[in-house]
Protein backbone atom coordinates (compact mmCIF):
# COMPACT_ATOMS: atom_id res chain seq x y z
CA MET A 1 -0.02 0.01 0.00
CA GLU A 2 1.41 3.37 -1.04
CA PRO A 3 1.03 6.13 1.56
CA ILE A 4 -0.69 9.41 0.59
CA THR A 5 -0.59 12.83 2.22
CA PHE A 6 -3.46 14.34 4.12
CA ALA A 7 -3.66 16.94 1.33
CA ASP A 8 -4.27 14.04 -1.18
CA PHE A 9 -7.10 12.77 1.03
CA GLU A 10 -8.67 16.20 1.22
CA LYS A 11 -8.98 16.25 -2.62
CA VAL A 12 -11.44 13.33 -2.56
CA GLU A 13 -15.05 14.53 -2.10
CA ILE A 14 -16.88 11.66 -0.34
CA ARG A 15 -20.44 12.75 0.36
CA ALA A 16 -23.67 11.29 1.71
CA GLY A 17 -26.65 11.06 -0.62
CA THR A 18 -30.11 9.50 -0.82
CA ILE A 19 -31.09 7.20 -3.72
CA VAL A 20 -34.16 8.71 -5.30
CA ASP A 21 -34.47 6.27 -8.26
CA ALA A 22 -32.98 2.91 -9.19
CA GLN A 23 -33.39 0.86 -12.33
CA PRO A 24 -31.75 -2.30 -13.72
CA HIS A 25 -28.95 -1.43 -16.17
CA PRO A 26 -29.92 -3.39 -19.35
CA THR A 27 -26.84 -2.46 -21.47
CA ALA A 28 -24.09 -3.07 -18.93
CA ARG A 29 -21.69 -6.03 -19.62
CA LYS A 30 -22.04 -7.10 -15.96
CA PRO A 31 -25.24 -7.09 -13.98
CA SER A 32 -25.67 -3.53 -12.61
CA ILE A 33 -28.22 -1.07 -11.27
CA GLN A 34 -28.57 2.57 -12.41
CA LEU A 35 -28.85 4.93 -9.45
CA TRP A 36 -30.02 8.52 -9.21
CA ILE A 37 -28.68 9.98 -5.92
CA ASP A 38 -29.68 13.28 -4.34
CA PHE A 39 -26.67 15.00 -2.79
CA GLY A 40 -28.56 18.06 -1.64
CA PRO A 41 -28.98 21.57 -3.12
CA GLN A 42 -25.29 22.33 -3.61
CA ILE A 43 -24.46 19.21 -5.72
CA GLY A 44 -27.93 18.08 -6.83
CA THR A 45 -28.88 14.70 -8.21
CA LYS A 46 -26.13 12.61 -9.76
CA ARG A 47 -26.15 9.24 -11.54
CA SER A 48 -24.19 6.10 -10.88
CA ALA A 49 -24.03 2.59 -12.34
CA ALA A 50 -23.17 0.06 -9.63
CA GLN A 51 -22.51 -3.70 -9.71
CA ILE A 52 -24.52 -4.37 -6.58
CA THR A 53 -27.10 -6.90 -7.80
CA VAL A 54 -26.03 -9.79 -5.47
CA HIS A 55 -27.34 -8.09 -2.30
CA TYR A 56 -29.60 -5.39 -3.65
CA SER A 57 -32.59 -5.05 -5.99
CA ALA A 58 -33.41 -1.69 -7.67
CA ASP A 59 -36.84 -1.37 -6.02
CA ARG A 60 -35.47 -1.78 -2.49
CA LEU A 61 -32.72 0.83 -2.87
CA ILE A 62 -34.95 3.92 -3.15
CA GLY A 63 -34.73 6.03 0.01
CA ARG A 64 -31.50 4.45 1.17
CA GLN A 65 -28.50 6.73 2.00
CA VAL A 66 -25.09 5.85 0.56
CA MET A 67 -21.64 7.31 0.50
CA ALA A 68 -20.05 8.21 -2.87
CA VAL A 69 -17.06 10.03 -4.40
CA VAL A 70 -18.61 12.95 -6.22
CA ASN A 71 -15.58 14.57 -7.86
CA PHE A 72 -14.34 11.89 -10.29
CA PRO A 73 -14.86 12.63 -13.98
CA PRO A 74 -17.93 10.92 -15.48
CA ARG A 75 -17.57 7.40 -16.97
CA ARG A 76 -19.65 5.80 -19.70
CA ILE A 77 -21.09 2.39 -18.63
CA GLY A 78 -22.87 1.03 -21.66
CA ASP A 79 -25.26 3.79 -22.75
CA PHE A 80 -25.32 5.34 -19.29
CA GLU A 81 -23.08 8.15 -17.93
CA SER A 82 -22.00 7.38 -14.35
CA GLU A 83 -21.15 10.71 -12.56
CA VAL A 84 -20.31 9.43 -9.05
CA LEU A 85 -18.68 6.35 -7.54
CA VAL A 86 -20.88 4.72 -4.91
CA LEU A 87 -18.72 3.16 -2.19
CA GLY A 88 -18.83 -0.33 -0.80
CA VAL A 89 -16.70 -3.17 0.52
CA PRO A 90 -16.66 -6.82 -0.52
CA ASP A 91 -18.37 -9.52 1.51
CA GLU A 92 -16.68 -12.89 2.08
CA ASN A 93 -17.53 -13.90 -1.55
CA GLY A 94 -16.50 -10.58 -3.15
CA ALA A 95 -20.02 -9.16 -3.62
CA VAL A 96 -20.38 -5.50 -2.91
CA VAL A 97 -21.96 -4.30 0.42
CA LEU A 98 -22.76 -0.57 0.28
CA LEU A 99 -21.39 1.91 2.77
CA LYS A 100 -23.89 4.09 4.51
CA PRO A 101 -24.14 6.43 7.55
CA ASP A 102 -25.37 4.76 10.74
CA LEU A 103 -27.85 7.62 11.26
CA LYS A 104 -29.74 9.81 8.79
CA VAL A 105 -27.56 12.72 7.79
CA PRO A 106 -28.12 15.73 5.51
CA ASP A 107 -27.70 14.92 1.89
CA GLY A 108 -24.43 16.35 0.61
CA GLY A 109 -22.66 15.97 3.96
CA LYS A 110 -18.92 15.55 3.43
CA MET A 111 -17.01 12.71 5.00
CA PHE A 112 -13.99 13.75 7.02
């Protein structure tokens, strides 16, 4: 693992947001879900494509808070532009488990 400086860490914008819509991603090479996440009035609603279908279904994600990196450049996933990177950790089989705040926090809140 290569160490980074605190200044490097401060460049990464990790924010809390609430999933306001979620749909299966039909054109992705790997099973994915398209997410629309509200990061509050300063950032707005951003989109993300996430390979989270092992533990999550699109209809059960709406209203859930997640943590995401909001300052990466957009990436094209199939015909969908993913604007933020939703964060998770692998379970014992490598499937993604989403990171979320323990308590409800304001959308757009920055992790520090």
